[in-house]
PDB file of N, CA and C in Angstrom:
ATOM      1  N   UNK A   1     -74.948  47.774 105.920  1.00  0.00           N
ATOM      2  CA  UNK A   1     -75.783  48.778 106.154  1.00  0.00           C
ATOM      3  C   UNK A   1     -77.178  49.042 105.895  1.00  0.00           C
ATOM      4  N   UNK A   2     -78.325  48.853 106.361  1.00  0.00           N
ATOM      5  CA  UNK A   2     -79.363  49.163 106.506  1.00  0.00           C
ATOM      6  C   UNK A   2     -79.944  50.753 106.153  1.00  0.00           C
ATOM      7  N   UNK A   3     -81.144  50.955 105.670  1.00  0.00           N
ATOM      8  CA  UNK A   3     -81.387  52.256 105.269  1.00  0.00           C
ATOM      9  C   UNK A   3     -82.710  52.646 106.232  1.00  0.00           C
ATOM     10  N   UNK A   4     -83.004  51.300 106.791  1.00  0.00           N
ATOM     11  CA  UNK A   4     -84.130  51.808 108.249  1.00  0.00           C
ATOM     12  C   UNK A   4     -83.799  51.213 109.140  1.00  0.00           C
ATOM     13  N   UNK A   5     -84.344  52.091 110.046  1.00  0.00           N
ATOM     14  CA  UNK A   5     -84.013  50.726 111.395  1.00  0.00           C
ATOM     15  C   UNK A   5     -85.274  51.526 112.280  1.00  0.00           C
ATOM     16  N   UNK A   6     -85.778  50.494 113.097  1.00  0.00           N
ATOM     17  CA  UNK A   6     -86.422  50.943 114.048  1.00  0.00           C
ATOM     18  C   UNK A   6     -86.838  51.729 115.074  1.00  0.00           C
ATOM     19  N   UNK A   7     -87.539  52.979 115.351  1.00  0.00           N
ATOM     20  CA  UNK A   7     -87.612  53.290 116.513  1.00  0.00           C
ATOM     21  C   UNK A   7     -88.320  52.972 117.848  1.00  0.00           C
ATOM     22  N   UNK A   8     -88.238  52.971 118.725  1.00  0.00           N
ATOM     23  CA  UNK A   8     -88.998  52.514 119.675  1.00  0.00           C
ATOM     24  C   UNK A   8     -90.537  53.425 119.990  1.00  0.00           C
ATOM     25  N   UNK A   9     -91.427  52.771 119.870  1.00  0.00           N
ATOM     26  CA  UNK A   9     -92.912  53.694 120.310  1.00  0.00           C
ATOM     27  C   UNK A   9     -92.868  54.848 121.529  1.00  0.00           C
ATOM     28  N   UNK A  10     -91.636  54.657 122.714  1.00  0.00           N
ATOM     29  CA  UNK A  10     -92.123  55.417 123.311  1.00  0.00           C
ATOM     30  C   UNK A  10     -90.855  56.823 122.864  1.00  0.00           C
ATOM     31  N   UNK A  11     -89.933  56.465 122.338  1.00  0.00           N
ATOM     32  CA  UNK A  11     -89.279  57.729 121.471  1.00  0.00           C
ATOM     33  C   UNK A  11     -90.069  58.364 120.389  1.00  0.00           C
ATOM     34  N   UNK A  12     -90.733  57.836 119.619  1.00  0.00           N
ATOM     35  CA  UNK A  12     -91.504  58.337 118.628  1.00  0.00           C
ATOM     36  C   UNK A  12     -92.004  59.199 119.228  1.00  0.00           C
ATOM     37  N   UNK A  13     -93.128  58.791 120.513  1.00  0.00           N
ATOM     38  CA  UNK A  13     -94.190  59.672 120.963  1.00  0.00           C
ATOM     39  C   UNK A  13     -93.462  60.740 121.555  1.00  0.00           C
ATOM     40  N   UNK A  14     -91.869  60.930 122.180  1.00  0.00           N
ATOM     41  CA  UNK A  14     -91.444  61.931 123.050  1.00  0.00           C
ATOM     42  C   UNK A  14     -90.910  63.044 122.007  1.00  0.00           C
ATOM     43  N   UNK A  15     -90.837  62.396 120.744  1.00  0.00           N
ATOM     44  CA  UNK A  15     -90.078  63.212 119.983  1.00  0.00           C
ATOM     45  C   UNK A  15     -90.656  63.779 118.838  1.00  0.00           C
ATOM     46  N   UNK A  16     -92.063  63.597 118.416  1.00  0.00           N
ATOM     47  CA  UNK A  16     -92.916  63.885 117.510  1.00  0.00           C
ATOM     48  C   UNK A  16     -93.576  64.676 118.102  1.00  0.00           C
ATOM     49  N   UNK A  17     -93.868  65.879 117.423  1.00  0.00           N
ATOM     50  CA  UNK A  17     -95.084  66.808 117.486  1.00  0.00           C
ATOM     51  C   UNK A  17     -96.022  66.245 116.581  1.00  0.00           C
ATOM     52  N   UNK A  18     -97.159  66.062 116.774  1.00  0.00           N
ATOM     53  CA  UNK A  18     -98.548  65.626 116.288  1.00  0.00           C
ATOM     54  C   UNK A  18     -98.552  67.242 115.079  1.00  0.00           C
ATOM     55  N   UNK A  19     -98.855  66.727 113.776  1.00  0.00           N
ATOM     56  CA  UNK A  19     -99.049  67.470 112.571  1.00  0.00           C
ATOM     57  C   UNK A  19     -98.070  68.486 112.356  1.00  0.00           C
ATOM     58  N   UNK A  20     -96.981  68.490 112.790  1.00  0.00           N
ATOM     59  CA  UNK A  20     -95.820  69.603 112.558  1.00  0.00           C
ATOM     60  C   UNK A  20     -95.694  69.755 111.279  1.00  0.00           C
ATOM     61  N   UNK A  21     -95.615  68.702 110.340  1.00  0.00           N
ATOM     62  CA  UNK A  21     -95.461  68.773 108.658  1.00  0.00           C
ATOM     63  C   UNK A  21     -96.695  68.651 108.174  1.00  0.00           C
ATOM     64  N   UNK A  22     -96.766  69.289 107.207  1.00  0.00           N
ATOM     65  CA  UNK A  22     -97.584  69.303 106.240  1.00  0.00           C
ATOM     66  C   UNK A  22     -97.939  68.032 105.331  1.00  0.00           C
ATOM     67  N   UNK A  23     -99.576  67.541 105.264  1.00  0.00           N
ATOM     68  CA  UNK A  23     -99.718  65.768 104.687  1.00  0.00           C
ATOM     69  C   UNK A  23     -99.767  65.924 103.430  1.00  0.00           C
ATOM     70  N   UNK A  24     -98.602  66.914 102.795  1.00  0.00           N
ATOM     71  CA  UNK A  24     -98.263  66.566 101.439  1.00  0.00           C
ATOM     72  C   UNK A  24     -97.692  65.559 101.422  1.00  0.00           C
ATOM     73  N   UNK A  25     -97.794  64.743  99.973  1.00  0.00           N
ATOM     74  CA  UNK A  25     -97.339  63.907  99.426  1.00  0.00           C
ATOM     75  C   UNK A  25     -95.314  63.380  99.762  1.00  0.00           C
ATOM     76  N   UNK A  26     -94.974  64.682  99.403  1.00  0.00           N
ATOM     77  CA  UNK A  26     -93.490  64.603  99.714  1.00  0.00           C
ATOM     78  C   UNK A  26     -93.162  65.800 100.262  1.00  0.00           C
ATOM     79  N   UNK A  27     -92.738  65.396 101.631  1.00  0.00           N
ATOM     80  CA  UNK A  27     -91.899  66.538 102.678  1.00  0.00           C
ATOM     81  C   UNK A  27     -89.961  66.219 102.527  1.00  0.00           C
ATOM     82  N   UNK A  28     -89.756  67.189 103.072  1.00  0.00           N
ATOM     83  CA  UNK A  28     -88.279  67.407 103.263  1.00  0.00           C
ATOM     84  C   UNK A  28     -88.073  67.285 104.732  1.00  0.00           C
ATOM     85  N   UNK A  29     -87.381  66.350 105.331  1.00  0.00           N
ATOM     86  CA  UNK A  29     -87.318  66.186 106.540  1.00  0.00           C
ATOM     87  C   UNK A  29     -85.812  66.380 107.070  1.00  0.00           C
ATOM     88  N   UNK A  30     -85.081  66.323 106.265  1.00  0.00           N
ATOM     89  CA  UNK A  30     -83.549  66.910 106.583  1.00  0.00           C
ATOM     90  C   UNK A  30     -82.849  66.872 105.787  1.00  0.00           C
ATOM     91  N   UNK A  31     -81.441  67.040 105.532  1.00  0.00           N
ATOM     92  CA  UNK A  31     -80.444  67.197 104.666  1.00  0.00           C
ATOM     93  C   UNK A  31     -79.226  66.622 105.453  1.00  0.00           C
ATOM     94  N   UNK A  32     -78.465  65.899 105.440  1.00  0.00           N
ATOM     95  CA  UNK A  32     -77.022  65.393 105.998  1.00  0.00           C
ATOM     96  C   UNK A  32     -75.859  65.397 104.593  1.00  0.00           C
ATOM     97  N   UNK A  33     -74.765  66.105 105.065  1.00  0.00           N
ATOM     98  CA  UNK A  33     -73.623  66.654 104.573  1.00  0.00           C
ATOM     99  C   UNK A  33     -72.560  66.047 105.004  1.00  0.00           C
ATOM    100  N   UNK A  34     -71.987  65.019 104.044  1.00  0.00           N
ATOM    101  CA  UNK A  34     -70.572  64.012 104.367  1.00  0.00           C
ATOM    102  C   UNK A  34     -69.397  64.938 103.584  1.00  0.00           C
ATOM    103  N   UNK A  35     -68.174  64.429 103.691  1.00  0.00           N
ATOM    104  CA  UNK A  35     -67.020  64.798 102.970  1.00  0.00           C
ATOM    105  C   UNK A  35     -66.752  64.482 101.459  1.00  0.00           C
ATOM    106  N   UNK A  36     -67.848  63.269 101.053  1.00  0.00           N
ATOM    107  CA  UNK A  36     -67.808  63.059  99.649  1.00  0.00           C
ATOM    108  C   UNK A  36     -69.317  63.297  98.834  1.00  0.00           C
ATOM    109  N   UNK A  37     -70.244  63.583 100.210  1.00  0.00           N
ATOM    110  CA  UNK A  37     -71.414  63.435  99.236  1.00  0.00           C
ATOM    111  C   UNK A  37     -72.374  64.089 100.121  1.00  0.00           C
ATOM    112  N   UNK A  38     -73.928  63.974  99.641  1.00  0.00           N
ATOM    113  CA  UNK A  38     -75.083  64.626 100.520  1.00  0.00           C
ATOM    114  C   UNK A  38     -76.518  63.623 100.559  1.00  0.00           C
ATOM    115  N   UNK A  39     -77.083  63.706 101.487  1.00  0.00           N
ATOM    116  CA  UNK A  39     -78.250  63.054 101.624  1.00  0.00           C
ATOM    117  C   UNK A  39     -79.340  63.907 101.635  1.00  0.00           C
ATOM    118  N   UNK A  40     -80.404  63.236 101.756  1.00  0.00           N
ATOM    119  CA  UNK A  40     -81.819  64.090 102.109  1.00  0.00           C
ATOM    120  C   UNK A  40     -82.604  63.000 102.934  1.00  0.00           C
ATOM    121  N   UNK A  41     -83.694  63.336 103.568  1.00  0.00           N
ATOM    122  CA  UNK A  41     -84.665  62.791 103.816  1.00  0.00           C
ATOM    123  C   UNK A  41     -85.670  63.377 103.884  1.00  0.00           C
ATOM    124  N   UNK A  42     -86.604  62.206 102.997  1.00  0.00           N
ATOM    125  CA  UNK A  42     -87.838  62.873 102.236  1.00  0.00           C
ATOM    126  C   UNK A  42     -88.960  62.099 102.811  1.00  0.00           C
ATOM    127  N   UNK A  43     -89.930  62.526 103.386  1.00  0.00           N
ATOM    128  CA  UNK A  43     -91.179  61.776 103.740  1.00  0.00           C
ATOM    129  C   UNK A  43     -91.947  61.438 102.821  1.00  0.00           C
ATOM    130  N   UNK A  44     -92.389  60.748 102.101  1.00  0.00           N
ATOM    131  CA  UNK A  44     -93.284  60.532 101.285  1.00  0.00           C
ATOM    132  C   UNK A  44     -94.915  59.507 101.650  1.00  0.00           C
ATOM    133  N   UNK A  45     -95.573  59.996 101.713  1.00  0.00           N
ATOM    134  CA  UNK A  45     -96.410  59.504 102.507  1.00  0.00           C
ATOM    135  C   UNK A  45     -96.298  59.239 103.985  1.00  0.00           C
ATOM    136  N   UNK A  46     -96.307  58.479 104.381  1.00  0.00           N
ATOM    137  CA  UNK A  46     -95.856  58.112 106.061  1.00  0.00           C
ATOM    138  C   UNK A  46     -94.996  57.182 106.068  1.00  0.00           C
ATOM    139  N   UNK A  47     -94.104  57.321 105.340  1.00  0.00           N
ATOM    140  CA  UNK A  47     -92.547  56.635 105.265  1.00  0.00           C
ATOM    141  C   UNK A  47     -91.632  57.870 104.805  1.00  0.00           C
ATOM    142  N   UNK A  48     -90.528  57.563 105.804  1.00  0.00           N
ATOM    143  CA  UNK A  48     -89.187  58.497 105.386  1.00  0.00           C
ATOM    144  C   UNK A  48     -88.273  58.004 104.749  1.00  0.00           C
ATOM    145  N   UNK A  49     -87.661  58.197 103.448  1.00  0.00           N
ATOM    146  CA  UNK A  49     -86.749  57.801 102.769  1.00  0.00           C
ATOM    147  C   UNK A  49     -85.076  58.460 102.456  1.00  0.00           C
ATOM    148  N   UNK A  50     -84.401  57.747 102.584  1.00  0.00           N
ATOM    149  CA  UNK A  50     -83.144  58.302 102.175  1.00  0.00           C
ATOM    150  C   UNK A  50     -82.628  58.665 100.875  1.00  0.00           C
ATOM    151  N   UNK A  51     -82.389  59.987 100.383  1.00  0.00           N
ATOM    152  CA  UNK A  51     -82.220  60.019  99.144  1.00  0.00           C
ATOM    153  C   UNK A  51     -80.932  60.411  98.517  1.00  0.00           C
ATOM    154  N   UNK A  52     -80.312  60.215  97.672  1.00  0.00           N
ATOM    155  CA  UNK A  52     -79.186  61.251  97.342  1.00  0.00           C
ATOM    156  C   UNK A  52     -79.063  61.762  95.770  1.00  0.00           C
ATOM    157  N   UNK A  53     -78.447  62.527  95.179  1.00  0.00           N
ATOM    158  CA  UNK A  53     -78.648  62.911  93.879  1.00  0.00           C
ATOM    159  C   UNK A  53     -78.487  61.785  92.530  1.00  0.00           C
ATOM    160  N   UNK A  54     -79.437  61.947  92.268  1.00  0.00           N
ATOM    161  CA  UNK A  54     -79.825  60.956  91.211  1.00  0.00           C
ATOM    162  C   UNK A  54     -80.746  60.226  91.211  1.00  0.00           C
ATOM    163  N   UNK A  55     -81.174  60.216  92.546  1.00  0.00           N
ATOM    164  CA  UNK A  55     -82.078  58.658  92.869  1.00  0.00           C
ATOM    165  C   UNK A  55     -83.959  59.408  92.094  1.00  0.00           C
ATOM    166  N   UNK A  56     -84.469  58.414  91.615  1.00  0.00           N
ATOM    167  CA  UNK A  56     -85.523  58.776  90.947  1.00  0.00           C
ATOM    168  C   UNK A  56     -86.649  58.852  92.186  1.00  0.00           C
ATOM    169  N   UNK A  57     -87.428  59.598  91.766  1.00  0.00           N
ATOM    170  CA  UNK A  57     -88.851  59.500  92.663  1.00  0.00           C
ATOM    171  C   UNK A  57     -89.538  59.761  91.875  1.00  0.00           C
ATOM    172  N   UNK A  58     -90.636  58.665  91.017  1.00  0.00           N
ATOM    173  CA  UNK A  58     -91.681  58.414  90.321  1.00  0.00           C
ATOM    174  C   UNK A  58     -90.844  59.086  89.202  1.00  0.00           C
ATOM    175  N   UNK A  59     -91.642  60.557  88.871  1.00  0.00           N
ATOM    176  CA  UNK A  59     -91.501  61.226  87.499  1.00  0.00           C
ATOM    177  C   UNK A  59     -90.451  62.504  87.536  1.00  0.00           C
ATOM    178  N   UNK A  60     -89.883  62.477  89.174  1.00  0.00           N
ATOM    179  CA  UNK A  60     -88.719  63.424  89.298  1.00  0.00           C
ATOM    180  C   UNK A  60     -87.764  62.685  89.347  1.00  0.00           C
ATOM    181  N   UNK A  61     -86.465  63.471  89.422  1.00  0.00           N
ATOM    182  CA  UNK A  61     -84.927  62.758  89.955  1.00  0.00           C
ATOM    183  C   UNK A  61     -84.468  63.883  90.806  1.00  0.00           C
ATOM    184  N   UNK A  62     -83.709  63.271  92.084  1.00  0.00           N
ATOM    185  CA  UNK A  62     -83.248  64.350  92.386  1.00  0.00           C
ATOM    186  C   UNK A  62     -82.226  65.243  92.179  1.00  0.00           C
ATOM    187  N   UNK A  63     -82.096  66.349  91.642  1.00  0.00           N
ATOM    188  CA  UNK A  63     -80.849  67.257  91.186  1.00  0.00           C
ATOM    189  C   UNK A  63     -80.078  67.500  91.674  1.00  0.00           C
ATOM    190  N   UNK A  64     -80.136  67.849  92.938  1.00  0.00           N
ATOM    191  CA  UNK A  64     -79.247  68.558  93.945  1.00  0.00           C
ATOM    192  C   UNK A  64     -79.653  68.712  95.567  1.00  0.00           C
ATOM    193  N   UNK A  65     -78.492  68.767  96.269  1.00  0.00           N
ATOM    194  CA  UNK A  65     -78.779  68.605  97.789  1.00  0.00           C
ATOM    195  C   UNK A  65     -78.268  69.639  98.499  1.00  0.00           C
ATOM    196  N   UNK A  66     -78.755  70.627  99.127  1.00  0.00           N
ATOM    197  CA  UNK A  66     -77.896  71.524  99.665  1.00  0.00           C
ATOM    198  C   UNK A  66     -78.556  71.604 101.294  1.00  0.00           C
ATOM    199  N   UNK A  67     -77.919  72.520 102.108  1.00  0.00           N
ATOM    200  CA  UNK A  67     -78.012  73.170 103.687  1.00  0.00           C
ATOM    201  C   UNK A  67     -79.791  73.291 103.578  1.00  0.00           C
ATOM    202  N   UNK A  68     -80.908  72.283 104.158  1.00  0.00           N
ATOM    203  CA  UNK A  68     -81.740  72.500 104.063  1.00  0.00           C
ATOM    204  C   UNK A  68     -83.112  72.607 102.810  1.00  0.00           C
ATOM    205  N   UNK A  69     -82.058  72.045 101.831  1.00  0.00           N
ATOM    206  CA  UNK A  69     -83.054  72.337 100.452  1.00  0.00           C
ATOM    207  C   UNK A  69     -82.807  70.838  99.834  1.00  0.00           C
ATOM    208  N   UNK A  70     -83.570  70.487  98.774  1.00  0.00           N
ATOM    209  CA  UNK A  70     -84.018  69.714  97.803  1.00  0.00           C
ATOM    210  C   UNK A  70     -84.067  70.110  96.711  1.00  0.00           C
ATOM    211  N   UNK A  71     -83.609  70.149  95.140  1.00  0.00           N
ATOM    212  CA  UNK A  71     -83.541  70.251  93.928  1.00  0.00           C
ATOM    213  C   UNK A  71     -84.334  69.071  93.416  1.00  0.00           C
ATOM    214  N   UNK A  72     -85.492  68.716  92.860  1.00  0.00           N
ATOM    215  CA  UNK A  72     -86.077  67.835  92.195  1.00  0.00           C
ATOM    216  C   UNK A  72     -86.117  68.194  90.575  1.00  0.00           C
ATOM    217  N   UNK A  73     -85.469  67.695  89.596  1.00  0.00           N
ATOM    218  CA  UNK A  73     -85.597  67.914  88.288  1.00  0.00           C
ATOM    219  C   UNK A  73     -87.139  67.174  87.867  1.00  0.00           C
ATOM    220  N   UNK A  74     -88.033  67.712  87.315  1.00  0.00           N
ATOM    221  CA  UNK A  74     -89.197  66.787  86.580  1.00  0.00           C
ATOM    222  C   UNK A  74     -88.828  66.871  85.265  1.00  0.00           C
ATOM    223  N   UNK A  75     -90.105  66.033  85.085  1.00  0.00           N
ATOM    224  CA  UNK A  75     -90.261  65.669  82.994  1.00  0.00           C
ATOM    225  C   UNK A  75     -90.358  66.901  82.816  1.00  0.00           C
ATOM    226  N   UNK A  76     -89.990  67.253  81.605  1.00  0.00           N
ATOM    227  CA  UNK A  76     -90.682  68.629  80.539  1.00  0.00           C
ATOM    228  C   UNK A  76     -89.496  69.853  81.116  1.00  0.00           C
ATOM    229  N   UNK A  77     -88.494  69.487  81.892  1.00  0.00           N
ATOM    230  CA  UNK A  77     -87.542  70.287  82.196  1.00  0.00           C
ATOM    231  C   UNK A  77     -87.721  71.069  83.396  1.00  0.00           C
ATOM    232  N   UNK A  78     -88.819  71.064  83.819  1.00  0.00           N
ATOM    233  CA  UNK A  78     -89.107  71.289  85.230  1.00  0.00           C
ATOM    234  C   UNK A  78     -88.511  71.497  86.487  1.00  0.00           C
ATOM    235  N   UNK A  79     -88.368  72.097  87.438  1.00  0.00           N
ATOM    236  CA  UNK A  79     -87.793  72.003  88.479  1.00  0.00           C
ATOM    237  C   UNK A  79     -88.265  71.918  89.902  1.00  0.00           C
ATOM    238  N   UNK A  80     -88.120  71.463  90.824  1.00  0.00           N
ATOM    239  CA  UNK A  80     -89.163  72.070  92.314  1.00  0.00           C
ATOM    240  C   UNK A  80     -87.875  72.057  93.028  1.00  0.00           C
ATOM    241  N   UNK A  81     -88.443  73.014  93.878  1.00  0.00           N
ATOM    242  CA  UNK A  81     -87.615  72.819  95.077  1.00  0.00           C
ATOM    243  C   UNK A  81     -88.065  72.501  96.355  1.00  0.00           C
ATOM    244  N   UNK A  82     -87.504  72.096  97.261  1.00  0.00           N
ATOM    245  CA  UNK A  82     -88.251  71.386  98.413  1.00  0.00           C
ATOM    246  C   UNK A  82     -87.601  72.082  99.487  1.00  0.00           C
ATOM    247  N   UNK A  83     -87.905  72.949 100.582  1.00  0.00           N
ATOM    248  CA  UNK A  83     -87.164  72.987 101.524  1.00  0.00           C
ATOM    249  C   UNK A  83     -87.574  72.616 103.074  1.00  0.00           C
ATOM    250  N   UNK A  84     -86.861  72.938 103.954  1.00  0.00           N
ATOM    251  CA  UNK A  84     -87.598  72.565 105.415  1.00  0.00           C
ATOM    252  C   UNK A  84     -88.723  73.399 106.042  1.00  0.00           C
ATOM    253  N   UNK A  85     -89.578  72.198 106.315  1.00  0.00           N
ATOM    254  CA  UNK A  85     -90.703  73.165 106.833  1.00  0.00           C
ATOM    255  C   UNK A  85     -90.475  74.161 107.918  1.00  0.00           C
ATOM    256  N   UNK A  86     -91.167  75.411 107.820  1.00  0.00           N
ATOM    257  CA  UNK A  86     -90.484  76.549 109.035  1.00  0.00           C
ATOM    258  C   UNK A  86     -90.426  75.992 110.542  1.00  0.00           C
ATOM    259  N   UNK A  87     -89.865  75.978 111.572  1.00  0.00           N
ATOM    260  CA  UNK A  87     -89.996  75.726 112.640  1.00  0.00           C
ATOM    261  C   UNK A  87     -90.270  76.810 113.704  1.00  0.00           C
TER     262      UNK A  87
END
């Protein structure tokens, strides 16, 4: 099973709002919940990645995934909360 699929250009154009997400380097795009685990979709730069608890992201690690939220554990014991952008 692949983590990435190509989307036709016409679909991207129809489904995309220009400048809807902040230009920040790391943005939560969505969360997915199954019977045994949760995953999140994070936009890092211009690419979208699927992550799960334990995934390393540079100096951070995904500590928890909830409905519309991801908690990152940063070095030094700090945590960061990512929430879905306001709709």
